[in-house]
Amino acid sequence: MYVCSCFGVTEAQVQQHADDGACTPRQIASACKAGTDCGSCVRRIQAILGRGACPRREPADQGRPLLAGLERLDEAA
């Protein structure tokens, strides 16, 4: 089934790019142009990616300050 009619990209192709590491519609677009013309397929691409194609990221807050280390950058400047 075609996901992107503009560039003839199939659901299987999008899934293959996701399996190869593309985790966002922008990364899919970089791999095969899907979603870069009319944009009507972007939601479908998001749905395909939402099926567990990419591992969930850990929460940013893991008990340490998010901006730790920036103080050192300020001191170096």
N, C-alpha and C. Protein backbone atom coordinates (compact mmCIF):
# COMPACT_ATOMS: atom_id res chain seq x y z
N MET A 1 0.85 -1.17 0.00
CA MET A 1 0.00 0.00 0.00
C MET A 1 0.90 1.25 0.00
N TYR A 2 0.53 2.21 -0.82
CA TYR A 2 1.30 3.45 -0.88
C TYR A 2 0.99 4.34 0.31
N VAL A 3 2.05 4.88 0.90
CA VAL A 3 1.92 5.86 1.96
C VAL A 3 2.03 7.25 1.35
N CYS A 4 2.99 7.42 0.48
CA CYS A 4 3.24 8.71 -0.17
C CYS A 4 3.02 8.56 -1.67
N SER A 5 1.93 9.13 -2.14
CA SER A 5 1.61 9.07 -3.57
C SER A 5 2.53 9.96 -4.39
N CYS A 6 2.98 11.05 -3.80
CA CYS A 6 3.83 12.00 -4.53
C CYS A 6 5.13 11.35 -5.00
N PHE A 7 5.71 10.51 -4.16
CA PHE A 7 6.99 9.89 -4.48
C PHE A 7 6.92 8.38 -4.59
N GLY A 8 5.72 7.82 -4.54
CA GLY A 8 5.55 6.38 -4.71
C GLY A 8 6.21 5.55 -3.62
N VAL A 9 6.12 6.01 -2.38
CA VAL A 9 6.74 5.31 -1.25
C VAL A 9 5.69 4.43 -0.58
N THR A 10 6.03 3.18 -0.39
CA THR A 10 5.10 2.23 0.21
C THR A 10 5.27 2.14 1.72
N GLU A 11 4.27 1.56 2.35
CA GLU A 11 4.34 1.34 3.80
C GLU A 11 5.53 0.45 4.14
N ALA A 12 5.79 -0.55 3.30
CA ALA A 12 6.92 -1.45 3.54
C ALA A 12 8.25 -0.69 3.48
N GLN A 13 8.36 0.28 2.56
CA GLN A 13 9.59 1.07 2.47
C GLN A 13 9.77 1.95 3.71
N VAL A 14 8.68 2.56 4.16
CA VAL A 14 8.76 3.38 5.37
C VAL A 14 9.16 2.51 6.55
N GLN A 15 8.56 1.33 6.65
CA GLN A 15 8.89 0.42 7.75
C GLN A 15 10.35 -0.01 7.68
N GLN A 16 10.86 -0.24 6.46
CA GLN A 16 12.27 -0.64 6.30
C GLN A 16 13.20 0.48 6.77
N HIS A 17 12.87 1.72 6.41
CA HIS A 17 13.69 2.86 6.87
C HIS A 17 13.62 2.98 8.39
N ALA A 18 12.44 2.72 8.96
CA ALA A 18 12.30 2.75 10.41
C ALA A 18 13.14 1.64 11.04
N ASP A 19 13.12 0.46 10.44
CA ASP A 19 13.93 -0.65 10.95
C ASP A 19 15.42 -0.34 10.85
N ASP A 20 15.78 0.49 9.86
CA ASP A 20 17.18 0.88 9.68
C ASP A 20 17.59 2.04 10.59
N GLY A 21 16.63 2.57 11.38
CA GLY A 21 16.98 3.58 12.36
C GLY A 21 16.27 4.91 12.26
N ALA A 22 15.48 5.13 11.23
CA ALA A 22 14.73 6.40 11.13
C ALA A 22 13.60 6.38 12.16
N CYS A 23 13.57 7.39 13.02
CA CYS A 23 12.60 7.40 14.12
C CYS A 23 11.61 8.56 14.05
N THR A 24 11.78 9.45 13.10
CA THR A 24 10.88 10.60 12.99
C THR A 24 10.46 10.77 11.54
N PRO A 25 9.34 11.44 11.30
CA PRO A 25 8.95 11.73 9.92
C PRO A 25 10.04 12.48 9.15
N ARG A 26 10.77 13.33 9.82
CA ARG A 26 11.85 14.06 9.15
C ARG A 26 12.96 13.11 8.70
N GLN A 27 13.28 12.13 9.50
CA GLN A 27 14.30 11.15 9.12
C GLN A 27 13.80 10.27 7.98
N ILE A 28 12.52 9.93 7.99
CA ILE A 28 11.93 9.19 6.87
C ILE A 28 12.02 10.03 5.61
N ALA A 29 11.71 11.32 5.72
CA ALA A 29 11.78 12.22 4.57
C ALA A 29 13.20 12.29 4.00
N SER A 30 14.17 12.32 4.87
CA SER A 30 15.56 12.35 4.42
C SER A 30 15.94 11.06 3.69
N ALA A 31 15.35 9.96 4.11
CA ALA A 31 15.68 8.67 3.52
C ALA A 31 15.00 8.44 2.17
N CYS A 32 13.75 8.94 2.01
CA CYS A 32 13.02 8.58 0.79
C CYS A 32 12.12 9.69 0.23
N LYS A 33 12.18 10.88 0.79
CA LYS A 33 11.40 12.05 0.37
C LYS A 33 9.93 12.01 0.78
N ALA A 34 9.45 10.92 1.33
CA ALA A 34 8.05 10.83 1.73
C ALA A 34 7.72 11.95 2.72
N GLY A 35 6.65 12.68 2.45
CA GLY A 35 6.22 13.75 3.34
C GLY A 35 6.78 15.10 3.00
N THR A 36 7.56 15.20 1.93
CA THR A 36 8.21 16.49 1.63
C THR A 36 7.50 17.29 0.55
N ASP A 37 6.47 16.72 -0.09
CA ASP A 37 5.78 17.48 -1.14
C ASP A 37 4.47 18.02 -0.59
N CYS A 38 3.39 17.31 -0.70
CA CYS A 38 2.09 17.84 -0.25
C CYS A 38 1.89 17.68 1.25
N GLY A 39 2.57 16.72 1.88
CA GLY A 39 2.49 16.54 3.33
C GLY A 39 1.32 15.71 3.81
N SER A 40 0.47 15.24 2.90
CA SER A 40 -0.70 14.50 3.35
C SER A 40 -0.36 13.14 3.95
N CYS A 41 0.84 12.65 3.74
CA CYS A 41 1.22 11.33 4.26
C CYS A 41 1.92 11.40 5.61
N VAL A 42 2.17 12.58 6.11
CA VAL A 42 2.95 12.70 7.35
C VAL A 42 2.25 12.01 8.52
N ARG A 43 0.95 12.15 8.63
CA ARG A 43 0.24 11.48 9.73
C ARG A 43 0.32 9.96 9.60
N ARG A 44 0.27 9.47 8.39
CA ARG A 44 0.39 8.02 8.17
C ARG A 44 1.79 7.55 8.55
N ILE A 45 2.79 8.33 8.21
CA ILE A 45 4.17 8.00 8.58
C ILE A 45 4.31 8.00 10.11
N GLN A 46 3.71 8.99 10.76
CA GLN A 46 3.74 9.04 12.23
C GLN A 46 3.09 7.80 12.82
N ALA A 47 1.99 7.36 12.21
CA ALA A 47 1.31 6.16 12.71
C ALA A 47 2.19 4.93 12.55
N ILE A 48 2.87 4.83 11.43
CA ILE A 48 3.77 3.68 11.22
C ILE A 48 4.90 3.71 12.24
N LEU A 49 5.46 4.89 12.47
CA LEU A 49 6.55 5.01 13.45
C LEU A 49 6.06 4.75 14.86
N GLY A 50 4.80 5.05 15.13
CA GLY A 50 4.23 4.86 16.46
C GLY A 50 3.96 3.41 16.80
N ARG A 51 4.18 2.52 15.86
CA ARG A 51 3.95 1.09 16.10
C ARG A 51 5.15 0.41 16.72
N GLY A 52 6.01 1.16 17.36
CA GLY A 52 7.14 0.55 18.03
C GLY A 52 8.36 0.40 17.15
N ALA A 53 8.43 1.19 16.08
CA ALA A 53 9.58 1.11 15.19
C ALA A 53 10.86 1.55 15.89
N CYS A 54 10.73 2.45 16.83
CA CYS A 54 11.89 2.98 17.53
C CYS A 54 11.74 2.74 19.02
N PRO A 55 12.83 2.49 19.68
CA PRO A 55 12.75 2.28 21.13
C PRO A 55 12.34 3.57 21.83
N ARG A 56 11.61 3.42 22.88
CA ARG A 56 11.22 4.58 23.70
C ARG A 56 12.45 5.15 24.38
N ARG A 57 12.49 6.45 24.44
CA ARG A 57 13.62 7.10 25.11
C ARG A 57 13.36 7.15 26.60
N GLU A 58 14.43 7.15 27.34
CA GLU A 58 14.33 7.30 28.79
C GLU A 58 13.94 8.72 29.11
N PRO A 59 13.23 8.94 30.20
CA PRO A 59 12.91 10.31 30.60
C PRO A 59 14.18 11.12 30.80
N ALA A 60 14.10 12.39 30.48
CA ALA A 60 15.28 13.25 30.59
C ALA A 60 15.74 13.38 32.04
N ASP A 61 14.80 13.43 32.97
CA ASP A 61 15.15 13.61 34.37
C ASP A 61 15.43 12.25 35.00
N GLN A 62 16.69 11.94 35.19
CA GLN A 62 17.08 10.68 35.82
C GLN A 62 17.83 10.95 37.12
N GLY A 63 17.36 11.96 37.84
CA GLY A 63 17.95 12.26 39.13
C GLY A 63 19.12 13.21 39.07
N ARG A 64 19.43 13.74 37.91
CA ARG A 64 20.53 14.70 37.81
C ARG A 64 20.02 15.93 37.07
N PRO A 65 20.58 17.07 37.34
CA PRO A 65 20.12 18.29 36.69
C PRO A 65 20.28 18.18 35.17
N LEU A 66 19.27 18.67 34.44
CA LEU A 66 19.29 18.60 32.99
C LEU A 66 20.39 19.46 32.39
N LEU A 67 20.68 20.58 32.99
CA LEU A 67 21.66 21.51 32.44
C LEU A 67 23.01 21.42 33.14
N ALA A 68 23.26 20.28 33.77
CA ALA A 68 24.55 20.10 34.44
C ALA A 68 25.66 20.21 33.40
N GLY A 69 26.68 20.88 33.74
CA GLY A 69 27.81 21.04 32.83
C GLY A 69 27.82 22.38 32.12
N LEU A 70 26.68 23.04 32.08
CA LEU A 70 26.65 24.35 31.43
C LEU A 70 27.45 25.37 32.22
N GLU A 71 27.51 25.16 33.54
CA GLU A 71 28.29 26.08 34.35
C GLU A 71 29.74 26.09 33.90
N ARG A 72 30.24 24.92 33.54
CA ARG A 72 31.62 24.82 33.09
C ARG A 72 31.80 25.56 31.77
N LEU A 73 30.80 25.52 30.91
CA LEU A 73 30.87 26.25 29.64
C LEU A 73 30.94 27.75 29.89
N ASP A 74 30.14 28.23 30.85
CA ASP A 74 30.14 29.64 31.18
C ASP A 74 31.50 30.07 31.73
N GLU A 75 32.09 29.21 32.55
CA GLU A 75 33.38 29.54 33.15
C GLU A 75 34.47 29.58 32.08
N ALA A 76 34.38 28.71 31.10
CA ALA A 76 35.41 28.66 30.06
C ALA A 76 35.33 29.87 29.13
N ALA A 77 34.16 30.46 29.02
CA ALA A 77 33.99 31.61 28.13
C ALA A 77 34.49 32.84 28.74
